[in-house]
């Protein structure tokens, strides 16, 4: 009887752990900094996620002092942003 209960508990726990894996990777980033180091870190993270999980769903919310990242064509990371947008699937 004890073996039956132990086996049932292990089977239930195994089922819970296999269901814990998410189907898709979803992430939202928030950028409000004008610091180019922070902007480049955001671009690096987006690129790494895109490379490791091509089906990932990513969104970036940019406001305040972070707007020049996407509005200023002369900003340092502008070409990297354009590359990320071009690679969008």
Protein backbone atom coordinates (compact mmCIF):
# COMPACT_ATOMS: atom_id res chain seq x y z
CA UNK A 1 0.00 0.00 0.00
CA UNK A 2 2.81 2.41 0.87
CA UNK A 3 4.51 1.71 -2.44
CA UNK A 4 1.29 2.50 -4.28
CA UNK A 5 0.89 5.85 -2.47
CA UNK A 6 4.55 6.73 -3.06
CA UNK A 7 4.28 5.86 -6.76
CA UNK A 8 1.11 7.98 -7.10
CA UNK A 9 2.74 10.97 -5.42
CA UNK A 10 5.81 10.73 -7.66
CA UNK A 11 3.63 10.45 -10.77
CA UNK A 12 1.61 13.53 -9.78
CA UNK A 13 4.71 15.58 -9.01
CA UNK A 14 6.34 14.56 -12.29
CA UNK A 15 3.24 15.70 -14.13
CA UNK A 16 3.35 19.08 -12.42
CA UNK A 17 7.00 19.67 -13.31
CA UNK A 18 6.52 18.81 -16.97
CA UNK A 19 3.61 21.26 -17.21
CA UNK A 20 5.67 24.06 -15.63
CA UNK A 21 7.53 24.73 -18.88
CA UNK A 22 6.08 27.75 -20.75
CA UNK A 23 5.10 27.30 -24.36
CA UNK A 24 6.35 30.66 -25.60
CA UNK A 25 8.71 33.25 -24.22
CA UNK A 26 7.09 36.66 -23.70
CA UNK A 27 8.86 39.73 -22.34
CA UNK A 28 8.23 43.48 -22.12
CA UNK A 29 11.09 45.95 -21.65
CA UNK A 30 10.74 49.47 -20.28
CA UNK A 31 13.16 52.19 -21.46
CA UNK A 32 13.04 55.72 -20.09
CA UNK A 33 16.75 56.47 -19.90
CA UNK A 34 18.72 58.74 -22.21
CA UNK A 35 21.96 57.03 -21.15
CA UNK A 36 23.44 55.29 -24.19
CA UNK A 37 24.88 52.53 -21.98
CA UNK A 38 21.36 51.57 -20.89
CA UNK A 39 20.08 51.81 -24.46
CA UNK A 40 22.87 49.58 -25.75
CA UNK A 41 22.19 47.08 -22.96
CA UNK A 42 18.55 46.93 -24.05
CA UNK A 43 19.53 46.33 -27.66
CA UNK A 44 22.01 43.64 -26.57
CA UNK A 45 19.34 41.85 -24.51
CA UNK A 46 16.84 41.97 -27.37
CA UNK A 47 19.43 40.58 -29.76
CA UNK A 48 20.41 37.76 -27.40
CA UNK A 49 16.79 36.78 -26.84
CA UNK A 50 16.11 36.84 -30.58
CA UNK A 51 19.14 34.59 -31.19
CA UNK A 52 18.36 32.09 -28.44
CA UNK A 53 14.59 31.99 -28.90
CA UNK A 54 13.49 33.12 -32.38
CA UNK A 55 9.81 32.61 -31.51
CA UNK A 56 9.98 34.93 -28.49
CA UNK A 57 7.41 37.70 -28.30
CA UNK A 58 9.13 40.93 -27.26
CA UNK A 59 7.84 44.44 -26.76
CA UNK A 60 9.66 47.60 -25.74
CA UNK A 61 7.90 50.53 -24.10
CA UNK A 62 9.89 53.72 -24.65
CA UNK A 63 8.94 57.07 -23.16
CA UNK A 64 10.40 60.19 -21.58
CA UNK A 65 14.11 60.65 -22.06
CA UNK A 66 14.40 57.32 -23.86
CA UNK A 67 12.53 58.54 -26.96
CA UNK A 68 15.67 59.64 -28.86
CA UNK A 69 16.55 55.95 -29.13
CA UNK A 70 13.90 55.57 -31.83
CA UNK A 71 13.25 59.15 -32.98
CA UNK A 72 16.77 60.49 -33.47
CA UNK A 73 18.32 59.04 -36.63
CA UNK A 74 21.73 60.31 -35.56
CA UNK A 75 21.79 58.46 -32.24
CA UNK A 76 24.55 55.90 -31.79
CA UNK A 77 22.29 52.81 -31.45
CA UNK A 78 19.87 53.85 -34.21
CA UNK A 79 21.35 51.43 -36.77
CA UNK A 80 21.06 48.56 -34.26
CA UNK A 81 17.39 49.44 -33.68
CA UNK A 82 16.78 49.45 -37.43
CA UNK A 83 18.45 46.03 -37.69
CA UNK A 84 16.22 44.61 -34.93
CA UNK A 85 13.13 45.97 -36.66
CA UNK A 86 14.24 44.54 -40.00
CA UNK A 87 14.73 41.09 -38.46
CA UNK A 88 11.18 41.06 -37.09
CA UNK A 89 9.26 37.95 -38.09
